[in-house]
């Protein structure tokens, strides 16, 4: 699946405001993933953001415009969601989602190295 290059550039630009983090880009989940400090943080999938956030916030997050649960093997993945463009078309909304991911990234566990 292709990903939105303009959206990827917006994410790059926003993440560049945080010189203390290490960002690596990887093709993953059929899109472009942004690994922050060696942990999956944000992904661009088509024209959507895929966000990793604190699962404790699940109920609050589901009420946000543009929210779509991430389904794998028929089950909703807590702590992960897609966000359609109507959920981040305003600057404040875009920053909300990225800040949410960055905040959780500090506490998130790294996936096991293969």
Protein backbone atom coordinates (compact mmCIF):
# COMPACT_ATOMS: atom_id res chain seq x y z
CA UNK A 1 0.00 0.00 0.00
CA UNK A 2 1.26 3.45 -0.83
CA UNK A 3 1.32 6.19 1.77
CA UNK A 4 0.62 9.90 1.57
CA UNK A 5 3.98 11.64 1.05
CA UNK A 6 2.61 14.99 2.19
CA UNK A 7 1.38 13.46 5.44
CA UNK A 8 4.75 11.76 5.93
CA UNK A 9 6.47 15.11 5.48
CA UNK A 10 4.14 16.73 8.04
CA UNK A 11 5.03 14.01 10.55
CA UNK A 12 8.78 14.42 9.81
CA UNK A 13 8.53 18.16 10.27
CA UNK A 14 6.66 17.85 13.56
CA UNK A 15 9.05 15.24 14.95
CA UNK A 16 12.01 17.46 14.05
CA UNK A 17 10.84 19.81 16.83
CA UNK A 18 12.08 17.24 19.36
CA UNK A 19 15.87 16.97 19.01
CA UNK A 20 16.05 14.72 22.07
CA UNK A 21 14.33 11.83 20.29
CA UNK A 22 15.85 9.43 17.80
CA UNK A 23 13.59 8.90 14.77
CA UNK A 24 14.00 6.13 12.24
CA UNK A 25 11.68 5.56 9.30
CA UNK A 26 10.77 2.00 8.27
CA UNK A 27 8.41 0.52 5.74
CA UNK A 28 5.94 -1.45 7.84
CA UNK A 29 2.24 -2.35 8.03
CA UNK A 30 1.97 -1.55 4.33
CA UNK A 31 2.98 2.07 4.95
CA UNK A 32 5.71 4.15 6.50
CA UNK A 33 6.48 3.73 10.19
CA UNK A 34 8.17 6.26 12.42
CA UNK A 35 10.19 4.48 15.07
CA UNK A 36 10.95 6.78 18.00
CA UNK A 37 13.76 5.67 20.28
CA UNK A 38 13.58 2.20 18.66
CA UNK A 39 9.83 1.78 19.32
CA UNK A 40 6.96 1.96 16.84
CA UNK A 41 5.25 5.28 17.45
CA UNK A 42 3.35 6.52 14.39
CA UNK A 43 2.65 5.01 11.00
CA UNK A 44 1.31 6.47 7.77
CA UNK A 45 -1.06 4.04 6.08
CA UNK A 46 -2.51 5.44 2.87
CA UNK A 47 -3.94 8.78 3.93
CA UNK A 48 -4.44 7.72 7.55
CA UNK A 49 -2.33 7.95 10.65
CA UNK A 50 -1.86 4.79 12.63
CA UNK A 51 -1.25 5.75 16.24
CA UNK A 52 0.16 3.87 19.21
CA UNK A 53 -1.13 5.26 22.50
CA UNK A 54 -1.71 4.33 26.11
CA UNK A 55 -4.47 1.67 26.16
CA UNK A 56 -5.80 3.22 29.39
CA UNK A 57 -7.07 6.10 27.21
CA UNK A 58 -9.06 3.78 24.92
CA UNK A 59 -12.51 5.05 25.93
CA UNK A 60 -11.52 8.71 25.51
CA UNK A 61 -9.79 8.09 22.18
CA UNK A 62 -12.74 6.28 20.59
CA UNK A 63 -14.81 9.48 20.86
CA UNK A 64 -12.37 11.51 18.77
CA UNK A 65 -13.30 12.45 15.18
CA UNK A 66 -11.63 10.25 12.58
CA UNK A 67 -11.01 7.37 15.00
CA UNK A 68 -11.07 3.85 13.58
CA UNK A 69 -10.07 0.84 15.66
CA UNK A 70 -7.13 -1.20 14.40
CA UNK A 71 -8.40 -4.74 13.79
CA UNK A 72 -6.02 -7.70 13.55
CA UNK A 73 -7.22 -11.28 13.25
CA UNK A 74 -10.76 -10.10 13.97
CA UNK A 75 -9.90 -8.34 17.24
CA UNK A 76 -9.53 -4.65 18.04
CA UNK A 77 -5.97 -3.90 19.14
CA UNK A 78 -6.08 -1.81 22.30
CA UNK A 79 -3.57 1.02 22.21
CA UNK A 80 -3.55 1.23 18.41
CA UNK A 81 -5.90 3.01 16.03
CA UNK A 82 -6.19 4.56 12.63
CA UNK A 83 -7.15 8.21 12.30
CA UNK A 84 -8.83 9.42 9.11
CA UNK A 85 -8.03 12.85 7.71
CA UNK A 86 -11.11 14.46 9.26
CA UNK A 87 -9.56 13.67 12.64
CA UNK A 88 -6.34 15.58 11.99
CA UNK A 89 -7.12 18.16 9.32
CA UNK A 90 -6.68 20.99 11.83
CA UNK A 91 -3.22 21.76 13.20
CA UNK A 92 -4.31 21.31 16.84
CA UNK A 93 -5.86 17.92 16.07
CA UNK A 94 -2.78 16.76 14.15
CA UNK A 95 -0.56 17.78 17.06
CA UNK A 96 -2.92 16.10 19.55
CA UNK A 97 -2.46 12.70 17.88
CA UNK A 98 1.29 13.00 17.50
CA UNK A 99 1.74 14.25 21.07
CA UNK A 100 -0.42 11.36 22.30
CA UNK A 101 1.88 8.89 20.53
CA UNK A 102 5.06 10.60 21.69
CA UNK A 103 3.89 10.74 25.29
CA UNK A 104 3.14 7.02 25.36
CA UNK A 105 6.35 6.19 23.51
CA UNK A 106 8.35 7.19 26.58
CA UNK A 107 6.70 4.35 28.57
CA UNK A 108 5.96 1.84 25.80
CA UNK A 109 7.84 -1.42 25.64
CA UNK A 110 10.06 -2.19 22.69
CA UNK A 111 9.10 -5.15 20.57
CA UNK A 112 11.36 -8.16 20.87
CA UNK A 113 14.38 -8.08 18.55
CA UNK A 114 14.54 -10.95 16.09
